[in-house]
Amino acid sequence: MVPRDAVFYPTLGPQVVDFIEQNMIFGPGDLRGKPAIVDDEKRGWVYRMYEVFPKGHPRAGRRRFKRCAISVSKGQAKTEFAAWIAGCELHPEAPVRCVGWTPGGEPIGGPVTDPYIPMVATAEQQSEELAYLALCVILGEGPLKDDFHIGAEQIERRKGGGKAQALSTSPNARDGARTTFSVMDETHRLTRQSQLDGVNTMFNNLPKRFLADAWNMEITTAPKPGEGSVAEATMNYAKQIDAGKIVDPTLFFFHRQAAEDSDLKTVAGIRAAVIEASGPSAAWRDIDAIVSLFQDPTQDKAYLGRVWCNLLMQGSERAFDILAWRGLSRPDYVVKPGALITLGFDGSLFHDATGIIATDVETGYQWNAGVWECPPDAPRDWSVPEEEVDATMRALFAQFNVWRLYADPAYWQSWIATWRKSFGEDRVIDWWTNRRTQMARALLGYHTAIATGLLTHDGDEDFDRHIGNTQRRDLRGMKDEQGRRMWLISKERSDSPKKIDLAAAGTLSWQARTDAIAAGLPAPVPQYQVLVFGGGRR
């Protein structure tokens, strides 16, 4: 039953689709140069993206959505689709904004005056993958070729002003740009801080052109969990809106994937998952060739599941399952003062990060007790505020019954000696993380605690980010008594700005908790039971 106060949104979508199919062609690929055909699913995207507020509404004729994000599996011509939309937004006669109404209350479409369209993609993408390069082909080789001057980095209208431009994601590159529409291509690849800053700049440019009713579209494949990409941030934002935690009616988010419990171990299961994730494109995709990739033992199955089934799957190089980790969040839980806890400490003094993670011995609940990170724009002489770290440590020992602090002493020997003198030789323990065997064992224990749900945590964003940043580095030929391969953790590269210190501190704090239980302290009480359905945690 439709609510009485429901708003029905008219759309310019049919006019936009007609303009594409009457004036545009397919870009690079097997169908290059042939007339564009918008399939049913893409038609639905266009209809939704071009919804406007109805006649009589205070915002009548204005766009409903300011941000539109499309997340579908690899090989569905989403880059080409983005180029079609950009071509419409750029053309001097395309019906992309409401300029009036029919007697029946349907919107009449017209062009944007003096459009500016930045089109962003990463340098890692091949030229034929870029939405801008696809747009060059679509406009330069199709019926609209006489309407534009086309260059390697810029496409301009021949009449009336307006341009589309290939753009880097430097945050300062377009600080003053008067954007009318922007395209972000394959946002799961946008992970560096400069790229994140650049995207924020683009979002903040949208309100500058009120009359142009500016908006943004991003297209992507499912992001790699924990990598901190633009795509992951958008998906998390959409989930919060869906859960009612955030109210933002200006976001349209479309995500198609295979079922979470898809069987990716059998040919039949893989085929079903790929077809489900493909939508209408299953009719022309080479499903057999995709299925055969999953049977190749040299292929990364997590990668295949992500790009061909659009599933959120942990990369094999990641140390911890970030999706399992996020399922263990208990942000409302509070550890009572005086509780028996353990602490883990890891960090550096200069141009890095230092963190303290606390663990409630009884429940296995962890929380971020303190983190100090070097800001991206910090001066060369930046260092961790040592007195703040000391004050935080002393507050923890005063508020709780700290059984042990396991601290990596690198760079902090003098402070650890001071804490040992203050709190006792038996409570402050040097725990060197560069001891390969001991650290590998501790990491296996921490990994198991996350995988089995023995551990829960506060859901802190910094803690989550450090866990997600942590890379796994296998120790060749080393296995534990159970035959499990042993490994250590590291950054993605030595000079990476992505921090992992809280992951190391969490490991040490959990190891201290494990040792406390082994020493005969009160038996742990699980916070809740983890139920497993169909091979995945719910």
Protein backbone atom coordinates (compact mmCIF):
# COMPACT_ATOMS: atom_id res chain seq x y z
CA MET A 1 0.00 0.00 0.00
CA VAL A 2 1.41 3.40 -0.99
CA PRO A 3 1.64 5.93 1.89
CA ARG A 4 -0.67 8.93 1.51
CA ASP A 5 2.24 11.36 1.86
CA ALA A 6 4.40 9.57 -0.74
CA VAL A 7 6.02 11.82 -3.33
CA PHE A 8 6.01 10.58 -6.92
CA TYR A 9 9.03 11.82 -8.81
CA PRO A 10 8.78 12.53 -12.53
CA THR A 11 11.94 11.89 -14.53
CA LEU A 12 13.82 13.16 -17.55
CA GLY A 13 15.12 9.60 -17.97
CA PRO A 14 13.13 8.64 -21.09
CA GLN A 15 14.30 11.79 -22.87
CA VAL A 16 17.92 11.16 -21.90
CA VAL A 17 17.77 7.51 -23.03
CA ASP A 18 16.24 8.58 -26.36
CA PHE A 19 19.02 11.15 -26.83
CA ILE A 20 21.69 8.49 -26.19
CA GLU A 21 20.18 5.94 -28.57
CA GLN A 22 19.53 8.50 -31.31
CA ASN A 23 22.88 10.33 -31.15
CA MET A 24 25.57 8.16 -29.62
CA ILE A 25 27.56 5.05 -30.42
CA PHE A 26 29.36 2.30 -28.56
CA GLY A 27 32.92 3.16 -27.56
CA PRO A 28 36.12 1.07 -27.67
CA GLY A 29 35.44 -2.66 -27.92
CA ASP A 30 33.67 -5.20 -30.11
CA LEU A 31 30.73 -2.88 -30.86
CA ARG A 32 32.77 0.25 -31.51
CA GLY A 33 30.97 2.68 -33.78
CA LYS A 34 27.60 0.91 -33.72
CA PRO A 35 24.50 2.79 -32.49
CA ALA A 36 24.17 2.88 -28.71
CA ILE A 37 21.61 0.59 -27.08
CA VAL A 38 20.65 1.14 -23.45
CA ASP A 39 19.69 -2.20 -21.83
CA ASP A 40 16.86 -2.46 -19.31
CA GLU A 41 19.05 -2.18 -16.23
CA LYS A 42 20.96 0.85 -17.47
CA ARG A 43 17.66 2.37 -18.56
CA GLY A 44 16.51 1.99 -14.96
CA TRP A 45 19.66 3.75 -13.73
CA VAL A 46 19.04 6.69 -16.06
CA TYR A 47 15.38 6.99 -15.10
CA ARG A 48 16.30 7.06 -11.41
CA MET A 49 19.29 9.38 -11.74
CA TYR A 50 17.25 11.96 -13.65
CA GLU A 51 14.28 12.11 -11.27
CA VAL A 52 13.16 15.66 -10.45
CA PHE A 53 10.86 17.13 -7.85
CA PRO A 54 7.28 17.33 -9.17
CA LYS A 55 5.38 20.38 -10.29
CA GLY A 56 4.01 22.23 -7.28
CA HIS A 57 6.81 21.06 -4.97
CA PRO A 58 8.96 23.81 -3.38
CA ARG A 59 11.91 22.39 -5.35
CA ALA A 60 9.91 21.70 -8.50
CA GLY A 61 12.11 20.73 -11.44
CA ARG A 62 15.30 20.44 -9.37
CA ARG A 63 17.25 17.19 -9.41
CA ARG A 64 16.32 14.72 -6.68
CA PHE A 65 19.82 13.21 -6.38
CA LYS A 66 23.12 15.05 -6.02
CA ARG A 67 25.23 11.89 -5.79
CA CYS A 68 24.67 8.74 -7.82
CA ALA A 69 26.81 5.63 -7.39
CA ILE A 70 26.70 2.47 -9.50
CA SER A 71 28.46 -0.67 -8.24
CA VAL A 72 28.38 -3.66 -10.59
CA SER A 73 30.76 -6.42 -11.59
CA LYS A 74 33.56 -6.22 -14.13
CA GLY A 75 32.79 -6.20 -17.85
CA GLN A 76 29.34 -4.56 -17.83
CA ALA A 77 30.35 -1.50 -19.88
CA LYS A 78 29.83 0.84 -16.93
CA THR A 79 32.69 3.09 -18.08
CA GLU A 80 31.01 3.42 -21.47
CA PHE A 81 27.73 4.16 -19.70
CA ALA A 82 29.41 6.95 -17.72
CA ALA A 83 30.74 8.38 -21.00
CA TRP A 84 27.22 8.39 -22.48
CA ILE A 85 25.92 10.34 -19.49
CA ALA A 86 28.85 12.76 -19.67
CA GLY A 87 28.17 13.27 -23.37
CA CYS A 88 24.57 14.18 -22.61
CA GLU A 89 25.58 16.55 -19.82
CA LEU A 90 28.01 18.27 -22.21
CA HIS A 91 25.86 18.55 -25.34
CA PRO A 92 24.22 21.92 -26.10
CA GLU A 93 20.85 20.34 -26.90
CA ALA A 94 20.57 17.31 -24.58
CA PRO A 95 17.50 17.18 -22.28
CA VAL A 96 19.33 16.85 -18.95
CA ARG A 97 17.70 19.62 -16.85
CA CYS A 98 14.07 20.48 -16.34
CA VAL A 99 13.23 23.70 -18.22
CA GLY A 100 9.43 23.46 -18.11
CA TRP A 101 6.39 21.22 -17.82
CA THR A 102 3.90 19.59 -20.14
CA PRO A 103 0.16 20.15 -19.48
CA GLY A 104 0.16 16.70 -17.89
CA GLY A 105 2.89 17.63 -15.41
CA GLU A 106 5.77 15.83 -17.10
CA PRO A 107 9.16 17.62 -17.14
CA ILE A 108 10.56 19.10 -20.32
CA GLY A 109 14.30 18.66 -20.70
CA GLY A 110 16.91 21.16 -21.83
CA PRO A 111 20.70 21.55 -21.80
CA VAL A 112 23.10 22.90 -19.19
CA THR A 113 24.51 26.37 -19.80
CA ASP A 114 28.33 26.46 -19.92
CA PRO A 115 28.90 22.99 -18.41
CA TYR A 116 32.15 21.98 -16.75
CA ILE A 117 32.62 18.23 -16.40
CA PRO A 118 35.73 16.87 -14.63
CA MET A 119 36.25 13.15 -15.30
CA VAL A 120 38.47 11.40 -12.76
CA ALA A 121 40.27 8.07 -13.02
CA THR A 122 43.51 6.67 -11.64
CA ALA A 123 46.79 6.66 -13.51
CA GLU A 124 46.91 2.86 -13.16
CA GLN A 125 44.02 2.40 -15.58
CA GLN A 126 44.72 1.71 -19.24
CA SER A 127 43.69 4.42 -21.69
CA GLU A 128 40.95 2.32 -23.24
CA GLU A 129 39.39 1.87 -19.79
CA LEU A 130 38.98 5.57 -19.07
CA ALA A 131 35.56 7.19 -19.28
CA TYR A 132 37.19 10.27 -20.83
CA LEU A 133 38.82 8.23 -23.60
CA ALA A 134 35.53 6.42 -24.21
CA LEU A 135 33.83 9.81 -24.49
CA CYS A 136 36.41 10.92 -27.07
CA VAL A 137 35.50 7.95 -29.25
CA ILE A 138 31.73 8.25 -28.69
CA LEU A 139 31.65 11.94 -29.61
CA GLY A 140 34.51 11.95 -32.13
CA GLU A 141 33.34 9.02 -34.25
CA GLY A 142 29.57 9.32 -33.90
CA PRO A 143 26.78 11.58 -35.17
CA LEU A 144 27.76 14.38 -32.76
CA LYS A 145 31.33 14.79 -34.00
CA ASP A 146 30.70 18.21 -35.56
CA ASP A 147 29.49 19.64 -32.25
CA PHE A 148 32.84 19.41 -30.39
CA HIS A 149 36.55 20.14 -30.49
CA ILE A 150 38.17 16.97 -29.12
CA GLY A 151 41.64 16.95 -27.59
CA ALA A 152 43.76 14.54 -25.60
CA GLU A 153 42.76 16.08 -22.27
CA GLN A 154 39.77 18.29 -23.04
CA ILE A 155 36.56 18.24 -25.11
CA GLU A 156 34.94 21.61 -25.83
CA ARG A 157 31.60 22.59 -27.30
CA ARG A 158 32.01 24.36 -30.63
CA LYS A 159 29.22 26.75 -29.70
CA GLY A 160 27.99 28.17 -26.42
CA GLY A 161 30.89 27.30 -24.11
CA GLY A 162 31.38 24.24 -21.97
CA LYS A 163 33.91 21.45 -21.65
CA ALA A 164 34.70 18.00 -20.26
CA GLN A 165 38.19 17.41 -18.94
CA ALA A 166 40.33 14.46 -17.92
CA LEU A 167 41.41 15.26 -14.39
CA SER A 168 43.95 14.03 -11.87
CA THR A 169 42.80 13.67 -8.28
CA SER A 170 45.18 16.21 -6.81
CA PRO A 171 43.15 18.01 -4.11
CA ASN A 172 44.30 21.45 -5.22
CA ALA A 173 43.99 20.94 -8.96
CA ARG A 174 40.36 22.11 -9.25
CA ASP A 175 39.77 23.98 -6.00
CA GLY A 176 37.86 26.74 -7.76
CA ALA A 177 36.21 24.67 -10.46
CA ARG A 178 32.57 25.48 -11.20
CA THR A 179 31.41 21.93 -11.76
CA THR A 180 28.04 21.09 -13.30
CA PHE A 181 28.57 17.32 -13.43
CA SER A 182 31.51 15.14 -12.41
CA VAL A 183 32.42 11.53 -13.14
CA MET A 184 34.58 9.34 -10.90
CA ASP A 185 35.62 6.17 -12.71
CA GLU A 186 36.40 2.89 -10.87
CA THR A 187 36.42 4.45 -7.40
CA HIS A 188 37.55 1.19 -5.77
CA ARG A 189 41.01 2.16 -7.10
CA LEU A 190 41.01 5.57 -5.42
CA THR A 191 42.73 4.79 -2.12
CA ARG A 192 45.58 7.27 -1.61
CA GLN A 193 45.09 10.23 0.69
CA SER A 194 45.65 12.70 -2.14
CA GLN A 195 42.88 10.97 -4.09
CA LEU A 196 40.50 11.03 -1.12
CA ASP A 197 41.23 14.72 -0.63
CA GLY A 198 40.65 15.38 -4.33
CA VAL A 199 37.27 13.65 -4.24
CA ASN A 200 36.24 15.72 -1.22
CA THR A 201 37.21 18.84 -3.15
CA MET A 202 35.02 17.72 -6.06
CA PHE A 203 32.05 17.14 -3.74
CA ASN A 204 32.51 20.60 -2.24
CA ASN A 205 32.52 22.15 -5.73
CA LEU A 206 28.99 20.91 -6.50
CA PRO A 207 27.03 23.60 -4.61
CA LYS A 208 28.81 26.43 -6.48
CA ARG A 209 26.55 26.17 -9.55
CA PHE A 210 23.04 26.40 -8.07
CA LEU A 211 21.27 27.14 -11.34
CA ALA A 212 23.15 24.32 -13.08
CA ASP A 213 21.86 21.84 -10.45
CA ALA A 214 25.25 20.14 -10.32
CA TRP A 215 25.69 16.46 -9.45
CA ASN A 216 28.23 13.65 -9.30
CA MET A 217 28.29 10.08 -10.58
CA GLU A 218 30.72 7.38 -9.53
CA ILE A 219 31.03 3.94 -11.06
CA THR A 220 32.90 1.03 -9.59
CA THR A 221 33.28 -2.65 -8.92
CA ALA A 222 32.90 -3.84 -5.33
CA PRO A 223 35.65 -2.34 -3.17
CA LYS A 224 38.24 -4.41 -1.36
CA PRO A 225 37.14 -4.36 2.30
CA GLY A 226 39.41 -2.39 4.58
CA GLU A 227 41.35 -0.66 1.82
CA GLY A 228 39.78 2.71 2.55
CA SER A 229 38.80 3.48 -1.04
CA VAL A 230 36.29 6.08 -2.21
CA ALA A 231 34.00 3.21 -3.25
CA GLU A 232 34.16 1.66 0.22
CA ALA A 233 33.38 5.01 1.84
CA THR A 234 30.37 5.51 -0.44
CA MET A 235 29.08 2.01 0.26
CA ASN A 236 29.46 2.46 4.02
CA TYR A 237 27.66 5.79 3.77
CA ALA A 238 24.80 4.16 1.85
CA LYS A 239 24.56 1.40 4.46
CA GLN A 240 24.28 3.97 7.24
CA ILE A 241 21.48 5.73 5.35
CA ASP A 242 19.71 2.40 4.84
CA ALA A 243 20.04 1.62 8.56
CA GLY A 244 18.56 4.98 9.50
CA LYS A 245 21.75 6.24 11.11
CA ILE A 246 22.10 9.06 8.56
CA VAL A 247 19.39 10.97 6.72
CA ASP A 248 20.43 11.94 3.20
CA PRO A 249 17.78 11.68 0.47
CA THR A 250 20.20 13.07 -2.15
CA LEU A 251 22.15 9.80 -2.62
CA PHE A 252 21.14 7.18 -5.17
CA PHE A 253 23.17 3.99 -4.67
CA PHE A 254 22.83 0.90 -6.86
CA HIS A 255 24.74 -2.28 -6.04
CA ARG A 256 24.22 -5.64 -7.74
CA GLN A 257 26.05 -8.73 -6.48
CA ALA A 258 25.77 -12.47 -6.19
CA ALA A 259 24.23 -13.88 -3.01
CA GLU A 260 26.41 -13.67 0.11
CA ASP A 261 26.26 -17.46 0.53
CA SER A 262 27.12 -18.23 -3.11
CA ASP A 263 28.95 -21.50 -3.64
CA LEU A 264 32.20 -20.49 -5.33
CA LYS A 265 33.74 -23.96 -5.08
CA THR A 266 31.66 -25.80 -7.68
CA VAL A 267 31.15 -25.07 -11.37
CA ALA A 268 27.38 -24.88 -10.94
CA GLY A 269 27.67 -22.53 -7.97
CA ILE A 270 30.16 -20.25 -9.71
CA ARG A 271 28.03 -20.09 -12.83
CA ALA A 272 24.93 -19.19 -10.82
CA ALA A 273 26.81 -16.49 -8.91
CA VAL A 274 28.28 -14.90 -12.05
CA ILE A 275 24.90 -14.89 -13.81
CA GLU A 276 23.20 -13.36 -10.76
CA ALA A 277 25.81 -10.61 -10.52
CA SER A 278 25.65 -9.93 -14.27
CA GLY A 279 22.02 -8.88 -14.51
CA PRO A 280 20.94 -8.25 -18.14
CA SER A 281 24.55 -8.44 -19.33
CA ALA A 282 24.51 -12.21 -18.69
CA ALA A 283 22.89 -12.51 -22.11
CA TRP A 284 26.09 -11.44 -23.89
CA ARG A 285 28.89 -12.20 -21.41
CA ASP A 286 31.15 -15.21 -21.88
CA ILE A 287 30.03 -16.95 -18.71
CA ASP A 288 32.03 -20.12 -19.51
CA ALA A 289 35.29 -18.16 -19.76
CA ILE A 290 34.64 -16.43 -16.44
CA VAL A 291 33.82 -19.74 -14.72
CA SER A 292 37.06 -21.25 -16.04
CA LEU A 293 39.05 -18.51 -14.30
CA PHE A 294 37.76 -19.74 -10.94
CA GLN A 295 39.06 -23.24 -11.73
CA ASP A 296 42.60 -21.99 -12.41
CA PRO A 297 44.67 -22.71 -9.25
CA THR A 298 46.97 -19.77 -9.98
CA GLN A 299 44.12 -17.25 -9.73
CA ASP A 300 43.29 -15.28 -6.58
CA LYS A 301 39.79 -16.53 -5.76
CA ALA A 302 39.00 -13.55 -3.55
CA TYR A 303 39.82 -11.19 -6.42
CA LEU A 304 37.68 -13.20 -8.84
CA GLY A 305 34.75 -13.19 -6.44
CA ARG A 306 35.03 -9.44 -6.06
CA VAL A 307 35.36 -8.44 -9.72
CA TRP A 308 33.09 -11.05 -11.37
CA CYS A 309 30.48 -11.54 -8.63
CA ASN A 310 30.75 -8.06 -7.11
CA LEU A 311 31.08 -9.57 -3.65
CA LEU A 312 32.86 -7.84 -0.79
CA MET A 313 35.72 -10.29 -0.36
CA GLN A 314 38.87 -9.89 1.65
CA GLY A 315 42.05 -9.73 -0.44
CA SER A 316 44.44 -12.61 0.15
CA GLU A 317 47.20 -10.16 1.09
CA ARG A 318 45.20 -8.80 4.04
CA ALA A 319 46.10 -10.08 7.49
CA PHE A 320 42.64 -9.90 9.04
CA ASP A 321 39.10 -10.38 7.74
CA ILE A 322 37.76 -6.83 7.99
CA LEU A 323 34.17 -7.93 7.36
CA ALA A 324 34.32 -10.41 10.24
CA TRP A 325 35.96 -7.68 12.34
CA ARG A 326 33.16 -5.20 11.66
CA GLY A 327 30.59 -7.81 12.58
CA LEU A 328 32.12 -7.96 16.08
CA SER A 329 31.54 -4.28 16.87
CA ARG A 330 29.78 -3.41 20.15
CA PRO A 331 30.02 0.39 20.33
CA ASP A 332 27.59 0.68 23.27
CA TYR A 333 29.42 -1.71 25.59
CA VAL A 334 31.21 -0.10 28.54
CA VAL A 335 33.88 -1.77 30.66
CA LYS A 336 33.32 -0.93 34.31
CA PRO A 337 36.03 0.88 36.29
CA GLY A 338 38.13 -1.55 38.28
CA ALA A 339 37.70 -4.36 35.74
CA LEU A 340 40.64 -6.67 35.11
CA ILE A 341 42.18 -5.65 31.77
CA THR A 342 45.32 -6.08 29.69
CA LEU A 343 47.03 -3.48 27.55
CA GLY A 344 48.98 -3.58 24.29
CA PHE A 345 51.30 -0.77 23.22
CA ASP A 346 53.03 -0.21 19.90
CA GLY A 347 54.35 2.77 18.04
CA SER A 348 57.04 5.14 16.91
CA LEU A 349 58.04 8.65 17.91
CA PHE A 350 58.42 10.42 14.57
CA HIS A 351 56.22 10.61 11.43
CA ASP A 352 54.19 7.49 12.20
CA ALA A 353 51.71 6.49 14.89
CA THR A 354 51.54 5.18 18.44
CA GLY A 355 48.58 3.36 19.96
CA ILE A 356 47.25 1.67 23.09
CA ILE A 357 44.61 -1.06 22.94
CA ALA A 358 42.89 -2.33 26.09
CA THR A 359 41.18 -5.72 26.51
CA ASP A 360 38.66 -6.71 29.16
CA VAL A 361 39.93 -10.09 30.40
CA GLU A 362 36.49 -11.40 31.36
CA THR A 363 34.69 -10.71 28.08
CA GLY A 364 37.43 -10.32 25.46
CA TYR A 365 36.17 -6.84 24.58
CA GLN A 366 38.80 -4.51 23.10
CA TRP A 367 38.80 -0.74 22.78
CA ASN A 368 41.06 1.97 21.45
CA ALA A 369 42.45 3.55 24.60
CA GLY A 370 44.57 6.08 22.70
CA VAL A 371 46.12 6.76 19.33
CA TRP A 372 48.47 9.49 18.12
CA GLU A 373 49.04 9.71 14.36
CA CYS A 374 51.22 11.94 12.28
CA PRO A 375 48.88 14.19 10.23
CA PRO A 376 49.35 14.15 6.42
CA ASP A 377 50.44 17.81 6.41
CA ALA A 378 52.62 17.63 9.52
CA PRO A 379 55.93 19.54 9.65
CA ARG A 380 59.18 17.63 9.27
CA ASP A 381 59.89 17.78 13.00
CA TRP A 382 56.51 16.32 14.09
CA SER A 383 56.68 13.79 16.90
CA VAL A 384 54.24 11.91 19.11
CA PRO A 385 53.23 13.99 22.16
CA GLU A 386 54.97 11.78 24.69
CA GLU A 387 53.43 13.43 27.76
CA GLU A 388 49.93 12.76 26.41
CA VAL A 389 50.80 9.10 25.93
CA ASP A 390 52.16 8.94 29.47
CA ALA A 391 49.05 10.63 30.89
CA THR A 392 46.77 8.19 29.05
CA MET A 393 48.76 5.20 30.30
CA ARG A 394 48.64 6.43 33.89
CA ALA A 395 44.88 7.05 33.65
CA LEU A 396 44.34 3.45 32.49
CA PHE A 397 46.35 2.02 35.39
CA ALA A 398 44.41 4.26 37.80
CA GLN A 399 40.96 3.43 36.46
CA PHE A 400 41.32 -0.31 35.85
CA ASN A 401 43.02 -3.34 37.35
CA VAL A 402 45.73 -3.77 34.73
CA TRP A 403 47.10 -7.31 34.89
CA ARG A 404 49.84 -6.67 32.33
CA LEU A 405 50.96 -4.17 29.74
CA TYR A 406 52.73 -5.80 26.81
CA ALA A 407 54.72 -3.04 25.15
CA ASP A 408 56.98 -3.09 22.12
CA PRO A 409 59.94 -1.15 23.56
CA ALA A 410 61.35 0.12 20.26
CA TYR A 411 61.74 3.93 20.54
CA TRP A 412 60.01 3.95 23.94
CA GLN A 413 62.55 2.24 26.22
CA SER A 414 62.89 5.12 28.66
CA TRP A 415 59.14 5.59 29.02
CA ILE A 416 58.57 1.87 29.49
CA ALA A 417 61.24 1.85 32.18
CA THR A 418 59.39 4.72 33.88
CA TRP A 419 56.07 2.85 33.72
CA ARG A 420 57.74 -0.28 35.06
CA LYS A 421 59.03 1.69 38.01
CA SER A 422 55.60 3.25 38.61
CA PHE A 423 53.38 0.20 38.14
CA GLY A 424 55.62 -2.78 38.92
CA GLU A 425 58.15 -5.05 37.23
CA ASP A 426 55.58 -7.84 36.87
CA ARG A 427 52.92 -5.64 35.24
CA VAL A 428 54.92 -3.85 32.51
CA ILE A 429 56.55 -6.32 30.13
CA ASP A 430 58.86 -5.71 27.18
CA TRP A 431 57.27 -7.53 24.24
CA TRP A 432 59.41 -7.17 21.14
CA THR A 433 57.33 -7.51 17.99
CA ASN A 434 60.45 -8.25 15.91
CA ARG A 435 60.69 -11.75 17.42
CA ARG A 436 59.38 -13.60 14.40
CA THR A 437 58.16 -16.85 15.94
CA GLN A 438 56.58 -15.29 19.02
CA MET A 439 54.88 -12.55 17.00
CA ALA A 440 53.62 -15.01 14.40
CA ARG A 441 52.06 -17.14 17.15
CA ALA A 442 50.43 -14.09 18.71
CA LEU A 443 49.05 -13.04 15.32
CA LEU A 444 47.57 -16.49 14.71
CA GLY A 445 45.85 -16.27 18.07
CA TYR A 446 44.47 -12.83 17.29
CA HIS A 447 43.35 -13.92 13.83
CA THR A 448 41.54 -16.92 15.34
CA ALA A 449 39.83 -14.74 17.95
CA ILE A 450 38.44 -12.51 15.19
CA ALA A 451 37.42 -15.42 12.95
CA THR A 452 35.59 -17.27 15.76
CA GLY A 453 34.01 -14.27 17.46
CA LEU A 454 35.86 -14.69 20.77
CA LEU A 455 36.84 -11.04 20.49
CA THR A 456 34.57 -8.02 20.28
CA HIS A 457 35.48 -4.35 20.08
CA ASP A 458 34.29 -0.76 20.29
CA GLY A 459 33.90 -0.13 16.56
CA ASP A 460 36.37 2.76 16.69
CA GLU A 461 37.09 4.14 13.21
CA ASP A 462 40.85 4.41 13.74
CA PHE A 463 41.04 0.86 15.10
CA ASP A 464 39.01 -0.39 12.13
CA ARG A 465 41.24 1.48 9.67
CA HIS A 466 44.48 0.09 11.15
CA ILE A 467 43.08 -3.46 11.09
CA GLY A 468 42.06 -3.00 7.46
CA ASN A 469 45.44 -1.56 6.47
CA THR A 470 47.42 -4.51 7.80
CA GLN A 471 49.12 -6.69 5.20
CA ARG A 472 50.08 -10.33 5.69
CA ARG A 473 53.64 -11.45 5.01
CA ASP A 474 54.04 -15.24 5.02
CA LEU A 475 57.06 -16.84 6.69
CA ARG A 476 58.19 -19.43 4.20
CA GLY A 477 58.52 -22.93 5.57
CA MET A 478 57.22 -21.98 9.02
CA LYS A 479 54.12 -23.68 10.45
CA ASP A 480 52.75 -24.07 13.93
CA GLU A 481 51.94 -27.35 15.72
CA GLN A 482 48.56 -27.48 13.99
CA GLY A 483 50.13 -27.18 10.56
CA ARG A 484 49.00 -23.60 10.02
CA ARG A 485 51.26 -21.37 7.96
CA MET A 486 52.82 -18.66 10.08
CA TRP A 487 53.00 -15.01 9.05
CA LEU A 488 53.81 -11.51 10.19
CA ILE A 489 52.18 -8.17 9.51
CA SER A 490 53.41 -5.10 7.67
CA LYS A 491 52.27 -2.01 5.81
CA GLU A 492 51.53 -2.26 2.10
CA ARG A 493 54.94 -0.64 1.60
CA SER A 494 57.53 0.77 3.95
CA ASP A 495 56.76 4.42 3.18
CA SER A 496 52.97 4.01 3.19
CA PRO A 497 51.04 6.65 5.16
CA LYS A 498 48.48 3.99 6.11
CA LYS A 499 48.99 3.11 9.77
CA ILE A 500 48.80 -0.36 11.36
CA ASP A 501 50.03 0.35 14.91
CA LEU A 502 46.64 -0.29 16.54
CA ALA A 503 46.53 -3.73 14.91
CA ALA A 504 49.89 -4.55 16.49
CA ALA A 505 48.78 -3.12 19.84
CA GLY A 506 45.56 -5.12 19.63
CA THR A 507 47.56 -8.29 19.02
CA LEU A 508 49.76 -7.65 22.07
CA SER A 509 46.77 -6.81 24.26
CA TRP A 510 45.02 -10.02 23.18
CA GLN A 511 48.17 -12.06 23.82
CA ALA A 512 48.34 -10.60 27.32
CA ARG A 513 44.72 -11.57 27.85
CA THR A 514 45.45 -15.11 26.63
CA ASP A 515 48.36 -15.35 29.08
CA ALA A 516 46.17 -14.03 31.90
CA ILE A 517 43.66 -16.82 31.35
CA ALA A 518 46.46 -19.39 31.12
CA ALA A 519 47.73 -18.10 34.48
CA GLY A 520 44.44 -19.10 36.11
CA LEU A 521 42.65 -15.78 36.28
CA PRO A 522 38.82 -15.79 36.23
CA ALA A 523 37.40 -17.82 33.37
CA PRO A 524 36.28 -15.69 30.42
CA VAL A 525 32.59 -15.00 29.87
CA PRO A 526 31.64 -14.64 26.19
CA GLN A 527 29.70 -11.48 25.39
CA TYR A 528 27.39 -13.19 22.94
CA GLN A 529 27.14 -16.34 20.89
CA VAL A 530 28.27 -16.24 17.27
CA LEU A 531 25.85 -18.06 14.99
CA VAL A 532 27.04 -19.33 11.63
CA PHE A 533 24.69 -19.86 8.69
CA GLY A 534 25.76 -21.21 5.33
CA GLY A 535 29.46 -20.72 5.97
CA GLY A 536 29.32 -16.99 6.77
CA ARG A 537 28.84 -15.00 9.96
CA ARG A 538 25.55 -13.14 10.32
